[in-house]
Amino acid sequence: MRRRRADPQQGAGVAADLDAPDAPDAPDADPEQVARTICLRQLTAAPRTRAQLAQALARRRVPAEAAERVLDRLVEVGLVDDAAYAEAWVRSRHAGRGLARRALSAELTARGVDQALVTHAVGRLDPREERETARRLVARRLASTRGLDPRVRVGRLAGMLARKGYPAGLAVAVARDALAAEGAHLYAAEDDDLYDGDTDDEA
């Protein structure tokens, strides 16, 4: 995940601090050093939000004041950047899993990202791109529904999109368009009737 680069001189100092010996269970261990070591291990494994790191420190019983000072320092030098994290998460999860704005918002909120940052990151996803992604998802699943009643097909395809965070109206419209392009006959029905909330497994 792309994160804002810290100044090389600052980064060197922080890295040196973070690489210091780890003795988190020692009774006389420096709380801030313990916090730095824990954070380094977490960030080495994967990018983390500030809230995720705070939770990790709390689980290790690092005093709150020491944890806040270390987290503030990591944010200051750019090693923790929730805004960059959120934007990269939206790009990656939309491209890789086809998740829509609602699902992306829920995932970022669960990771402790501030709501304003969530709104900004998710808002950068173009609605046209979101609709096109929905079309591609439906196209991949279309063949597996052949032979079923058209209403059932629409329900299953729309249900798959709904679980990925797409609004029900959009999900049904995309599913109906796909079947119409295929030449399938749809019975006259309201969209809400076609989308029956089918919960078959995702592709």
N, C-alpha and C. Protein backbone atom coordinates (compact mmCIF):
# COMPACT_ATOMS: atom_id res chain seq x y z
N MET A 1 0.84 -1.18 0.00
CA MET A 1 0.00 0.00 0.00
C MET A 1 0.87 1.24 0.00
N ARG A 2 0.59 2.22 -0.86
CA ARG A 2 1.39 3.43 -0.92
C ARG A 2 1.11 4.31 0.28
N ARG A 3 2.18 4.71 0.98
CA ARG A 3 2.03 5.64 2.09
C ARG A 3 2.93 6.82 1.85
N ARG A 4 2.60 7.96 2.43
CA ARG A 4 3.42 9.15 2.30
C ARG A 4 4.79 8.88 2.88
N ARG A 5 5.83 9.22 2.14
CA ARG A 5 7.19 8.97 2.60
C ARG A 5 7.61 10.01 3.63
N ALA A 6 8.24 9.54 4.69
CA ALA A 6 8.76 10.46 5.68
C ALA A 6 10.09 11.02 5.20
N ASP A 7 10.51 12.15 5.81
CA ASP A 7 11.81 12.72 5.52
C ASP A 7 12.88 11.67 5.85
N PRO A 8 13.89 11.45 4.97
CA PRO A 8 14.87 10.38 5.21
C PRO A 8 15.56 10.49 6.55
N GLN A 9 15.88 11.72 6.98
CA GLN A 9 16.56 11.88 8.26
C GLN A 9 15.64 11.51 9.41
N GLN A 10 14.38 11.93 9.31
CA GLN A 10 13.42 11.56 10.35
C GLN A 10 13.22 10.07 10.37
N GLY A 11 13.05 9.49 9.18
CA GLY A 11 12.78 8.06 9.07
C GLY A 11 13.90 7.24 9.67
N ALA A 12 15.15 7.67 9.45
CA ALA A 12 16.28 6.93 9.99
C ALA A 12 16.24 6.91 11.51
N GLY A 13 15.90 8.07 12.09
CA GLY A 13 15.84 8.14 13.54
C GLY A 13 14.75 7.26 14.11
N VAL A 14 13.60 7.29 13.47
CA VAL A 14 12.49 6.47 13.95
C VAL A 14 12.81 5.00 13.79
N ALA A 15 13.39 4.62 12.63
CA ALA A 15 13.73 3.22 12.40
C ALA A 15 14.71 2.73 13.46
N ALA A 16 15.67 3.60 13.83
CA ALA A 16 16.64 3.20 14.84
C ALA A 16 15.93 2.94 16.17
N ASP A 17 14.97 3.83 16.50
CA ASP A 17 14.22 3.64 17.73
C ASP A 17 13.43 2.33 17.68
N LEU A 18 12.79 2.09 16.54
CA LEU A 18 11.93 0.93 16.43
C LEU A 18 12.71 -0.37 16.42
N ASP A 19 13.99 -0.32 16.03
CA ASP A 19 14.79 -1.53 15.95
C ASP A 19 15.48 -1.86 17.27
N ALA A 20 15.24 -1.06 18.29
CA ALA A 20 15.89 -1.31 19.57
C ALA A 20 15.41 -2.64 20.15
N PRO A 21 16.17 -3.25 21.08
CA PRO A 21 15.81 -4.56 21.62
C PRO A 21 14.41 -4.56 22.20
N ASP A 22 13.72 -5.66 22.01
CA ASP A 22 12.35 -5.79 22.46
C ASP A 22 12.30 -6.64 23.72
N ALA A 23 11.77 -6.06 24.79
CA ALA A 23 11.58 -6.83 26.01
C ALA A 23 10.26 -6.42 26.63
N PRO A 24 9.14 -6.64 25.91
CA PRO A 24 7.86 -6.14 26.36
C PRO A 24 7.38 -6.74 27.66
N ASP A 25 7.86 -7.93 28.01
CA ASP A 25 7.38 -8.58 29.22
C ASP A 25 8.26 -8.31 30.43
N ALA A 26 9.36 -7.62 30.22
CA ALA A 26 10.24 -7.32 31.34
C ALA A 26 9.59 -6.28 32.24
N PRO A 27 9.65 -6.46 33.55
CA PRO A 27 8.97 -5.53 34.46
C PRO A 27 9.50 -4.11 34.37
N ASP A 28 10.79 -3.96 34.01
CA ASP A 28 11.38 -2.62 33.95
C ASP A 28 11.48 -2.10 32.51
N ALA A 29 10.75 -2.72 31.56
CA ALA A 29 10.82 -2.29 30.17
C ALA A 29 10.24 -0.90 30.02
N ASP A 30 10.86 -0.11 29.16
CA ASP A 30 10.38 1.24 28.87
C ASP A 30 9.08 1.13 28.06
N PRO A 31 7.97 1.67 28.55
CA PRO A 31 6.69 1.53 27.84
C PRO A 31 6.73 2.05 26.41
N GLU A 32 7.42 3.15 26.20
CA GLU A 32 7.47 3.70 24.85
C GLU A 32 8.28 2.82 23.93
N GLN A 33 9.36 2.24 24.44
CA GLN A 33 10.14 1.32 23.61
C GLN A 33 9.33 0.07 23.27
N VAL A 34 8.60 -0.42 24.24
CA VAL A 34 7.73 -1.57 23.99
C VAL A 34 6.71 -1.22 22.91
N ALA A 35 6.12 -0.04 23.01
CA ALA A 35 5.12 0.40 22.03
C ALA A 35 5.73 0.51 20.65
N ARG A 36 6.92 1.07 20.55
CA ARG A 36 7.59 1.19 19.25
C ARG A 36 7.81 -0.19 18.63
N THR A 37 8.30 -1.13 19.42
CA THR A 37 8.60 -2.46 18.91
C THR A 37 7.33 -3.16 18.42
N ILE A 38 6.25 -3.04 19.19
CA ILE A 38 4.99 -3.65 18.79
C ILE A 38 4.49 -3.04 17.49
N CYS A 39 4.56 -1.72 17.40
CA CYS A 39 4.09 -1.04 16.19
C CYS A 39 4.92 -1.44 14.98
N LEU A 40 6.23 -1.53 15.15
CA LEU A 40 7.08 -1.92 14.04
C LEU A 40 6.71 -3.31 13.52
N ARG A 41 6.48 -4.23 14.43
CA ARG A 41 6.11 -5.58 14.02
C ARG A 41 4.78 -5.57 13.27
N GLN A 42 3.84 -4.79 13.75
CA GLN A 42 2.55 -4.70 13.08
C GLN A 42 2.69 -4.10 11.68
N LEU A 43 3.44 -3.03 11.57
CA LEU A 43 3.60 -2.34 10.28
C LEU A 43 4.44 -3.14 9.30
N THR A 44 5.33 -3.97 9.81
CA THR A 44 6.12 -4.82 8.93
C THR A 44 5.23 -5.87 8.28
N ALA A 45 4.25 -6.37 9.01
CA ALA A 45 3.35 -7.39 8.48
C ALA A 45 2.41 -6.82 7.44
N ALA A 46 1.90 -5.61 7.67
CA ALA A 46 0.93 -4.99 6.75
C ALA A 46 0.68 -3.56 7.21
N PRO A 47 0.24 -2.70 6.29
CA PRO A 47 -0.14 -1.34 6.71
C PRO A 47 -1.26 -1.42 7.75
N ARG A 48 -1.25 -0.49 8.69
CA ARG A 48 -2.25 -0.46 9.75
C ARG A 48 -2.78 0.95 9.95
N THR A 49 -4.00 1.02 10.44
CA THR A 49 -4.53 2.32 10.84
C THR A 49 -4.06 2.63 12.24
N ARG A 50 -4.21 3.89 12.62
CA ARG A 50 -3.84 4.27 13.99
C ARG A 50 -4.67 3.48 15.00
N ALA A 51 -5.95 3.33 14.73
CA ALA A 51 -6.82 2.61 15.66
C ALA A 51 -6.39 1.15 15.81
N GLN A 52 -5.99 0.52 14.73
CA GLN A 52 -5.54 -0.87 14.81
C GLN A 52 -4.29 -1.00 15.67
N LEU A 53 -3.36 -0.06 15.51
CA LEU A 53 -2.15 -0.08 16.32
C LEU A 53 -2.49 0.20 17.79
N ALA A 54 -3.39 1.12 18.03
CA ALA A 54 -3.80 1.43 19.40
C ALA A 54 -4.40 0.19 20.07
N GLN A 55 -5.19 -0.57 19.33
CA GLN A 55 -5.77 -1.79 19.88
C GLN A 55 -4.68 -2.81 20.21
N ALA A 56 -3.69 -2.92 19.32
CA ALA A 56 -2.60 -3.86 19.57
C ALA A 56 -1.83 -3.47 20.83
N LEU A 57 -1.61 -2.19 21.01
CA LEU A 57 -0.89 -1.72 22.21
C LEU A 57 -1.72 -1.94 23.46
N ALA A 58 -3.02 -1.72 23.36
CA ALA A 58 -3.88 -1.93 24.52
C ALA A 58 -3.89 -3.40 24.92
N ARG A 59 -3.89 -4.29 23.93
CA ARG A 59 -3.87 -5.73 24.25
C ARG A 59 -2.61 -6.12 25.00
N ARG A 60 -1.51 -5.41 24.72
CA ARG A 60 -0.25 -5.70 25.41
C ARG A 60 -0.09 -4.87 26.68
N ARG A 61 -1.17 -4.19 27.07
CA ARG A 61 -1.20 -3.41 28.31
C ARG A 61 -0.17 -2.29 28.34
N VAL A 62 0.11 -1.70 27.20
CA VAL A 62 0.98 -0.53 27.14
C VAL A 62 0.20 0.65 27.71
N PRO A 63 0.77 1.41 28.64
CA PRO A 63 0.06 2.55 29.21
C PRO A 63 -0.43 3.51 28.13
N ALA A 64 -1.63 4.03 28.30
CA ALA A 64 -2.27 4.85 27.27
C ALA A 64 -1.42 6.06 26.89
N GLU A 65 -0.82 6.73 27.86
CA GLU A 65 -0.04 7.92 27.55
C GLU A 65 1.17 7.58 26.70
N ALA A 66 1.86 6.50 27.01
CA ALA A 66 3.01 6.08 26.22
C ALA A 66 2.57 5.68 24.82
N ALA A 67 1.46 4.98 24.72
CA ALA A 67 0.95 4.58 23.41
C ALA A 67 0.62 5.80 22.56
N GLU A 68 -0.02 6.79 23.14
CA GLU A 68 -0.39 7.99 22.38
C GLU A 68 0.83 8.73 21.89
N ARG A 69 1.87 8.83 22.72
CA ARG A 69 3.08 9.53 22.30
C ARG A 69 3.74 8.82 21.12
N VAL A 70 3.81 7.51 21.17
CA VAL A 70 4.42 6.75 20.08
C VAL A 70 3.58 6.86 18.82
N LEU A 71 2.30 6.72 18.94
CA LEU A 71 1.42 6.83 17.77
C LEU A 71 1.48 8.22 17.16
N ASP A 72 1.52 9.24 18.00
CA ASP A 72 1.65 10.61 17.48
C ASP A 72 2.93 10.75 16.67
N ARG A 73 4.01 10.17 17.17
CA ARG A 73 5.30 10.25 16.47
C ARG A 73 5.24 9.52 15.12
N LEU A 74 4.61 8.35 15.11
CA LEU A 74 4.50 7.59 13.86
C LEU A 74 3.66 8.35 12.82
N VAL A 75 2.63 9.00 13.28
CA VAL A 75 1.81 9.82 12.37
C VAL A 75 2.63 11.00 11.86
N GLU A 76 3.39 11.62 12.76
CA GLU A 76 4.19 12.80 12.41
C GLU A 76 5.18 12.51 11.27
N VAL A 77 5.80 11.35 11.30
CA VAL A 77 6.80 11.02 10.28
C VAL A 77 6.21 10.28 9.09
N GLY A 78 4.90 10.03 9.11
CA GLY A 78 4.25 9.44 7.95
C GLY A 78 4.24 7.93 7.91
N LEU A 79 4.67 7.26 8.98
CA LEU A 79 4.63 5.81 9.00
C LEU A 79 3.21 5.30 9.23
N VAL A 80 2.38 6.13 9.81
CA VAL A 80 0.95 5.83 9.96
C VAL A 80 0.19 6.99 9.32
N ASP A 81 -0.62 6.68 8.33
CA ASP A 81 -1.35 7.70 7.58
C ASP A 81 -2.72 7.14 7.21
N ASP A 82 -3.71 7.45 8.03
CA ASP A 82 -5.04 6.87 7.81
C ASP A 82 -5.67 7.34 6.50
N ALA A 83 -5.38 8.56 6.08
CA ALA A 83 -5.94 9.05 4.82
C ALA A 83 -5.40 8.25 3.64
N ALA A 84 -4.08 8.04 3.61
CA ALA A 84 -3.48 7.26 2.54
C ALA A 84 -3.94 5.81 2.61
N TYR A 85 -4.07 5.29 3.82
CA TYR A 85 -4.55 3.91 4.01
C TYR A 85 -5.94 3.75 3.40
N ALA A 86 -6.82 4.70 3.72
CA ALA A 86 -8.20 4.59 3.24
C ALA A 86 -8.27 4.65 1.72
N GLU A 87 -7.52 5.57 1.12
CA GLU A 87 -7.56 5.70 -0.34
C GLU A 87 -7.01 4.45 -1.02
N ALA A 88 -5.92 3.91 -0.48
CA ALA A 88 -5.35 2.69 -1.06
C ALA A 88 -6.28 1.50 -0.86
N TRP A 89 -6.95 1.45 0.29
CA TRP A 89 -7.89 0.36 0.56
C TRP A 89 -9.04 0.37 -0.45
N VAL A 90 -9.57 1.56 -0.72
CA VAL A 90 -10.67 1.68 -1.68
C VAL A 90 -10.23 1.20 -3.06
N ARG A 91 -9.07 1.66 -3.49
CA ARG A 91 -8.58 1.25 -4.82
C ARG A 91 -8.38 -0.26 -4.89
N SER A 92 -7.74 -0.81 -3.88
CA SER A 92 -7.39 -2.23 -3.90
C SER A 92 -8.63 -3.12 -3.80
N ARG A 93 -9.52 -2.83 -2.88
CA ARG A 93 -10.68 -3.69 -2.66
C ARG A 93 -11.72 -3.55 -3.77
N HIS A 94 -11.79 -2.38 -4.39
CA HIS A 94 -12.72 -2.24 -5.50
C HIS A 94 -12.18 -2.99 -6.72
N ALA A 95 -10.88 -2.83 -6.97
CA ALA A 95 -10.28 -3.50 -8.13
C ALA A 95 -10.21 -5.01 -7.93
N GLY A 96 -9.87 -5.45 -6.73
CA GLY A 96 -9.65 -6.87 -6.50
C GLY A 96 -10.90 -7.67 -6.20
N ARG A 97 -11.84 -7.09 -5.43
CA ARG A 97 -13.04 -7.81 -5.02
C ARG A 97 -14.32 -7.22 -5.59
N GLY A 98 -14.21 -6.08 -6.27
CA GLY A 98 -15.40 -5.46 -6.83
C GLY A 98 -16.32 -4.86 -5.80
N LEU A 99 -15.80 -4.50 -4.63
CA LEU A 99 -16.65 -3.95 -3.59
C LEU A 99 -17.10 -2.53 -3.93
N ALA A 100 -18.34 -2.24 -3.58
CA ALA A 100 -18.91 -0.92 -3.83
C ALA A 100 -18.74 -0.03 -2.60
N ARG A 101 -19.20 1.21 -2.73
CA ARG A 101 -18.94 2.20 -1.69
C ARG A 101 -19.47 1.81 -0.32
N ARG A 102 -20.65 1.25 -0.27
CA ARG A 102 -21.23 0.90 1.04
C ARG A 102 -20.37 -0.13 1.76
N ALA A 103 -19.94 -1.17 1.06
CA ALA A 103 -19.11 -2.20 1.67
C ALA A 103 -17.74 -1.65 2.04
N LEU A 104 -17.18 -0.81 1.19
CA LEU A 104 -15.87 -0.21 1.48
C LEU A 104 -15.94 0.68 2.72
N SER A 105 -17.01 1.44 2.83
CA SER A 105 -17.19 2.30 4.01
C SER A 105 -17.25 1.46 5.28
N ALA A 106 -17.99 0.36 5.22
CA ALA A 106 -18.12 -0.50 6.40
C ALA A 106 -16.76 -1.10 6.80
N GLU A 107 -15.98 -1.52 5.82
CA GLU A 107 -14.67 -2.11 6.12
C GLU A 107 -13.73 -1.09 6.75
N LEU A 108 -13.70 0.12 6.21
CA LEU A 108 -12.81 1.14 6.75
C LEU A 108 -13.25 1.57 8.14
N THR A 109 -14.55 1.68 8.34
CA THR A 109 -15.06 2.05 9.66
C THR A 109 -14.69 0.99 10.69
N ALA A 110 -14.78 -0.28 10.29
CA ALA A 110 -14.41 -1.37 11.20
C ALA A 110 -12.93 -1.33 11.56
N ARG A 111 -12.12 -0.72 10.72
CA ARG A 111 -10.69 -0.61 10.98
C ARG A 111 -10.33 0.68 11.69
N GLY A 112 -11.34 1.41 12.12
CA GLY A 112 -11.11 2.58 12.96
C GLY A 112 -10.76 3.85 12.22
N VAL A 113 -10.99 3.90 10.92
CA VAL A 113 -10.69 5.12 10.16
C VAL A 113 -11.76 6.17 10.46
N ASP A 114 -11.33 7.39 10.66
CA ASP A 114 -12.26 8.49 10.94
C ASP A 114 -13.29 8.61 9.83
N GLN A 115 -14.53 8.92 10.20
CA GLN A 115 -15.61 8.93 9.23
C GLN A 115 -15.38 9.95 8.12
N ALA A 116 -14.79 11.08 8.44
CA ALA A 116 -14.52 12.08 7.41
C ALA A 116 -13.53 11.54 6.37
N LEU A 117 -12.53 10.79 6.83
CA LEU A 117 -11.57 10.20 5.90
C LEU A 117 -12.21 9.10 5.08
N VAL A 118 -13.10 8.34 5.71
CA VAL A 118 -13.83 7.29 4.98
C VAL A 118 -14.67 7.92 3.87
N THR A 119 -15.41 8.94 4.22
CA THR A 119 -16.28 9.60 3.24
C THR A 119 -15.47 10.14 2.07
N HIS A 120 -14.33 10.75 2.38
CA HIS A 120 -13.50 11.33 1.32
C HIS A 120 -12.94 10.23 0.41
N ALA A 121 -12.42 9.16 1.00
CA ALA A 121 -11.81 8.09 0.21
C ALA A 121 -12.85 7.39 -0.66
N VAL A 122 -13.98 7.07 -0.08
CA VAL A 122 -15.03 6.37 -0.82
C VAL A 122 -15.63 7.28 -1.88
N GLY A 123 -15.70 8.57 -1.58
CA GLY A 123 -16.26 9.52 -2.53
C GLY A 123 -15.44 9.68 -3.79
N ARG A 124 -14.20 9.26 -3.75
CA ARG A 124 -13.34 9.36 -4.94
C ARG A 124 -13.60 8.24 -5.94
N LEU A 125 -14.40 7.27 -5.54
CA LEU A 125 -14.75 6.18 -6.46
C LEU A 125 -15.83 6.68 -7.41
N ASP A 126 -15.51 6.73 -8.68
CA ASP A 126 -16.43 7.25 -9.70
C ASP A 126 -17.65 6.35 -9.81
N PRO A 127 -18.87 6.91 -9.71
CA PRO A 127 -20.08 6.09 -9.85
C PRO A 127 -20.13 5.33 -11.17
N ARG A 128 -19.56 5.92 -12.23
CA ARG A 128 -19.55 5.21 -13.51
C ARG A 128 -18.65 3.99 -13.44
N GLU A 129 -17.52 4.13 -12.76
CA GLU A 129 -16.62 2.98 -12.59
C GLU A 129 -17.29 1.91 -11.74
N GLU A 130 -18.02 2.34 -10.72
CA GLU A 130 -18.71 1.40 -9.85
C GLU A 130 -19.75 0.60 -10.65
N ARG A 131 -20.50 1.30 -11.50
CA ARG A 131 -21.51 0.61 -12.31
C ARG A 131 -20.86 -0.35 -13.30
N GLU A 132 -19.74 0.06 -13.90
CA GLU A 132 -19.04 -0.81 -14.84
C GLU A 132 -18.50 -2.05 -14.13
N THR A 133 -18.02 -1.88 -12.92
CA THR A 133 -17.55 -3.03 -12.15
C THR A 133 -18.71 -3.98 -11.87
N ALA A 134 -19.88 -3.42 -11.55
CA ALA A 134 -21.06 -4.26 -11.32
C ALA A 134 -21.39 -5.06 -12.57
N ARG A 135 -21.28 -4.44 -13.73
CA ARG A 135 -21.55 -5.16 -14.98
C ARG A 135 -20.58 -6.32 -15.17
N ARG A 136 -19.31 -6.08 -14.87
CA ARG A 136 -18.32 -7.14 -15.03
C ARG A 136 -18.58 -8.30 -14.07
N LEU A 137 -18.97 -7.98 -12.85
CA LEU A 137 -19.28 -9.02 -11.88
C LEU A 137 -20.45 -9.88 -12.34
N VAL A 138 -21.48 -9.23 -12.86
CA VAL A 138 -22.65 -9.96 -13.35
C VAL A 138 -22.27 -10.81 -14.56
N ALA A 139 -21.47 -10.26 -15.44
CA ALA A 139 -21.06 -11.01 -16.64
C ALA A 139 -20.34 -12.30 -16.26
N ARG A 140 -19.54 -12.26 -15.19
CA ARG A 140 -18.81 -13.45 -14.76
C ARG A 140 -19.75 -14.51 -14.18
N ARG A 141 -20.85 -14.09 -13.59
CA ARG A 141 -21.77 -15.03 -12.96
C ARG A 141 -22.92 -15.46 -13.86
N LEU A 142 -23.08 -14.78 -14.98
CA LEU A 142 -24.27 -14.98 -15.81
C LEU A 142 -24.43 -16.43 -16.26
N ALA A 143 -23.35 -17.02 -16.74
CA ALA A 143 -23.43 -18.38 -17.28
C ALA A 143 -23.89 -19.39 -16.24
N SER A 144 -23.50 -19.17 -14.98
CA SER A 144 -23.85 -20.14 -13.93
C SER A 144 -25.34 -20.12 -13.59
N THR A 145 -26.06 -19.10 -14.07
CA THR A 145 -27.50 -19.02 -13.77
C THR A 145 -28.36 -19.48 -14.94
N ARG A 146 -27.74 -19.81 -16.06
CA ARG A 146 -28.53 -20.22 -17.23
C ARG A 146 -29.32 -21.50 -16.93
N GLY A 147 -30.53 -21.55 -17.45
CA GLY A 147 -31.41 -22.68 -17.20
C GLY A 147 -32.38 -22.42 -16.07
N LEU A 148 -32.14 -21.36 -15.30
CA LEU A 148 -33.05 -21.00 -14.22
C LEU A 148 -34.10 -20.03 -14.73
N ASP A 149 -35.18 -19.91 -13.98
CA ASP A 149 -36.21 -18.93 -14.30
C ASP A 149 -35.57 -17.54 -14.31
N PRO A 150 -35.91 -16.67 -15.28
CA PRO A 150 -35.32 -15.34 -15.35
C PRO A 150 -35.45 -14.54 -14.06
N ARG A 151 -36.59 -14.67 -13.38
CA ARG A 151 -36.75 -13.96 -12.12
C ARG A 151 -35.76 -14.45 -11.08
N VAL A 152 -35.52 -15.75 -11.05
CA VAL A 152 -34.54 -16.30 -10.12
C VAL A 152 -33.15 -15.82 -10.48
N ARG A 153 -32.85 -15.78 -11.77
CA ARG A 153 -31.54 -15.32 -12.22
C ARG A 153 -31.29 -13.88 -11.77
N VAL A 154 -32.28 -13.02 -11.99
CA VAL A 154 -32.13 -11.63 -11.57
C VAL A 154 -31.92 -11.54 -10.06
N GLY A 155 -32.70 -12.32 -9.31
CA GLY A 155 -32.56 -12.29 -7.86
C GLY A 155 -31.19 -12.71 -7.40
N ARG A 156 -30.64 -13.76 -8.01
CA ARG A 156 -29.32 -14.24 -7.60
C ARG A 156 -28.21 -13.26 -7.97
N LEU A 157 -28.30 -12.72 -9.18
CA LEU A 157 -27.27 -11.78 -9.62
C LEU A 157 -27.33 -10.49 -8.81
N ALA A 158 -28.55 -10.00 -8.58
CA ALA A 158 -28.70 -8.77 -7.79
C ALA A 158 -28.27 -9.02 -6.34
N GLY A 159 -28.56 -10.21 -5.82
CA GLY A 159 -28.15 -10.53 -4.47
C GLY A 159 -26.64 -10.55 -4.31
N MET A 160 -25.96 -11.09 -5.32
CA MET A 160 -24.49 -11.09 -5.30
C MET A 160 -23.96 -9.67 -5.25
N LEU A 161 -24.53 -8.78 -6.05
CA LEU A 161 -24.09 -7.38 -6.04
C LEU A 161 -24.41 -6.70 -4.72
N ALA A 162 -25.58 -6.98 -4.18
CA ALA A 162 -25.97 -6.35 -2.91
C ALA A 162 -25.00 -6.71 -1.80
N ARG A 163 -24.53 -7.96 -1.78
CA ARG A 163 -23.59 -8.37 -0.74
C ARG A 163 -22.25 -7.69 -0.90
N LYS A 164 -21.96 -7.18 -2.06
CA LYS A 164 -20.72 -6.44 -2.28
C LYS A 164 -20.92 -4.94 -2.08
N GLY A 165 -22.11 -4.56 -1.62
CA GLY A 165 -22.34 -3.17 -1.26
C GLY A 165 -23.04 -2.32 -2.30
N TYR A 166 -23.53 -2.92 -3.38
CA TYR A 166 -24.20 -2.14 -4.41
C TYR A 166 -25.65 -1.88 -3.99
N PRO A 167 -26.17 -0.69 -4.27
CA PRO A 167 -27.57 -0.40 -3.94
C PRO A 167 -28.50 -1.36 -4.67
N ALA A 168 -29.63 -1.69 -4.05
CA ALA A 168 -30.55 -2.67 -4.62
C ALA A 168 -31.04 -2.25 -6.00
N GLY A 169 -31.37 -0.97 -6.16
CA GLY A 169 -31.86 -0.51 -7.46
C GLY A 169 -30.84 -0.71 -8.57
N LEU A 170 -29.60 -0.36 -8.30
CA LEU A 170 -28.54 -0.54 -9.28
C LEU A 170 -28.31 -2.02 -9.55
N ALA A 171 -28.31 -2.82 -8.49
CA ALA A 171 -28.06 -4.25 -8.65
C ALA A 171 -29.10 -4.89 -9.55
N VAL A 172 -30.36 -4.57 -9.33
CA VAL A 172 -31.42 -5.15 -10.15
C VAL A 172 -31.32 -4.65 -11.59
N ALA A 173 -31.04 -3.36 -11.76
CA ALA A 173 -30.96 -2.80 -13.11
C ALA A 173 -29.84 -3.45 -13.91
N VAL A 174 -28.70 -3.63 -13.31
CA VAL A 174 -27.57 -4.25 -14.00
C VAL A 174 -27.89 -5.71 -14.34
N ALA A 175 -28.51 -6.41 -13.41
CA ALA A 175 -28.87 -7.81 -13.67
C ALA A 175 -29.89 -7.91 -14.80
N ARG A 176 -30.89 -7.06 -14.79
CA ARG A 176 -31.90 -7.08 -15.84
C ARG A 176 -31.29 -6.75 -17.20
N ASP A 177 -30.39 -5.76 -17.22
CA ASP A 177 -29.74 -5.38 -18.48
C ASP A 177 -28.94 -6.55 -19.05
N ALA A 178 -28.26 -7.28 -18.17
CA ALA A 178 -27.45 -8.41 -18.63
C ALA A 178 -28.31 -9.50 -19.24
N LEU A 179 -29.43 -9.79 -18.60
CA LEU A 179 -30.31 -10.82 -19.14
C LEU A 179 -30.98 -10.35 -20.43
N ALA A 180 -31.32 -9.07 -20.50
CA ALA A 180 -31.94 -8.54 -21.72
C ALA A 180 -30.96 -8.63 -22.88
N ALA A 181 -29.68 -8.31 -22.63
CA ALA A 181 -28.67 -8.39 -23.68
C ALA A 181 -28.48 -9.82 -24.15
N GLU A 182 -28.71 -10.75 -23.25
CA GLU A 182 -28.57 -12.17 -23.58
C GLU A 182 -29.81 -12.69 -24.33
N GLY A 183 -30.88 -11.90 -24.29
CA GLY A 183 -32.10 -12.31 -24.98
C GLY A 183 -33.08 -13.02 -24.09
N ALA A 184 -32.83 -13.03 -22.78
CA ALA A 184 -33.75 -13.70 -21.87
C ALA A 184 -35.02 -12.87 -21.72
N HIS A 185 -36.14 -13.55 -21.63
CA HIS A 185 -37.43 -12.87 -21.46
C HIS A 185 -37.70 -12.70 -19.96
N LEU A 186 -37.98 -11.44 -19.58
CA LEU A 186 -38.30 -11.16 -18.19
C LEU A 186 -39.79 -10.89 -18.07
N TYR A 187 -40.37 -11.49 -17.06
CA TYR A 187 -41.78 -11.22 -16.80
C TYR A 187 -41.92 -9.79 -16.29
N ALA A 188 -43.03 -9.18 -16.58
CA ALA A 188 -43.29 -7.84 -16.05
C ALA A 188 -43.40 -7.95 -14.55
N ALA A 189 -42.58 -7.19 -13.87
CA ALA A 189 -42.59 -7.24 -12.41
C ALA A 189 -41.88 -6.03 -11.87
N GLU A 190 -42.20 -5.67 -10.64
CA GLU A 190 -41.49 -4.59 -9.99
C GLU A 190 -40.08 -5.06 -9.62
N ASP A 191 -39.14 -4.10 -9.58
CA ASP A 191 -37.77 -4.46 -9.23
C ASP A 191 -37.70 -5.16 -7.87
N ASP A 192 -38.47 -4.67 -6.89
CA ASP A 192 -38.40 -5.27 -5.56
C ASP A 192 -38.83 -6.72 -5.58
N ASP A 193 -39.73 -7.07 -6.51
CA ASP A 193 -40.16 -8.46 -6.61
C ASP A 193 -39.06 -9.33 -7.20
N LEU A 194 -38.34 -8.76 -8.17
CA LEU A 194 -37.27 -9.53 -8.81
C LEU A 194 -36.12 -9.78 -7.85
N TYR A 195 -35.81 -8.77 -7.03
CA TYR A 195 -34.71 -8.95 -6.08
C TYR A 195 -35.28 -9.56 -4.81
N ASP A 196 -35.07 -10.86 -4.67
CA ASP A 196 -35.66 -11.57 -3.53
C ASP A 196 -34.69 -11.79 -2.39
N GLY A 197 -33.52 -11.10 -2.48
CA GLY A 197 -32.57 -11.23 -1.41
C GLY A 197 -31.86 -12.56 -1.37
N ASP A 198 -31.80 -13.24 -2.50
CA ASP A 198 -31.13 -14.55 -2.57
C ASP A 198 -29.74 -14.46 -1.98
N THR A 199 -29.36 -15.45 -1.20
CA THR A 199 -28.08 -15.39 -0.49
C THR A 199 -27.15 -16.52 -0.85
N ASP A 200 -27.16 -16.90 -2.14
CA ASP A 200 -26.21 -17.94 -2.53
C ASP A 200 -24.80 -17.44 -2.41
N ASP A 201 -23.82 -18.33 -2.36
CA ASP A 201 -22.42 -17.95 -2.12
C ASP A 201 -21.91 -17.06 -3.21
N GLU A 202 -20.98 -16.16 -2.83
CA GLU A 202 -20.35 -15.28 -3.82
C GLU A 202 -19.39 -16.06 -4.67
N ALA A 203 -19.16 -15.47 -5.87
CA ALA A 203 -18.14 -16.08 -6.74
C ALA A 203 -16.78 -15.82 -6.17
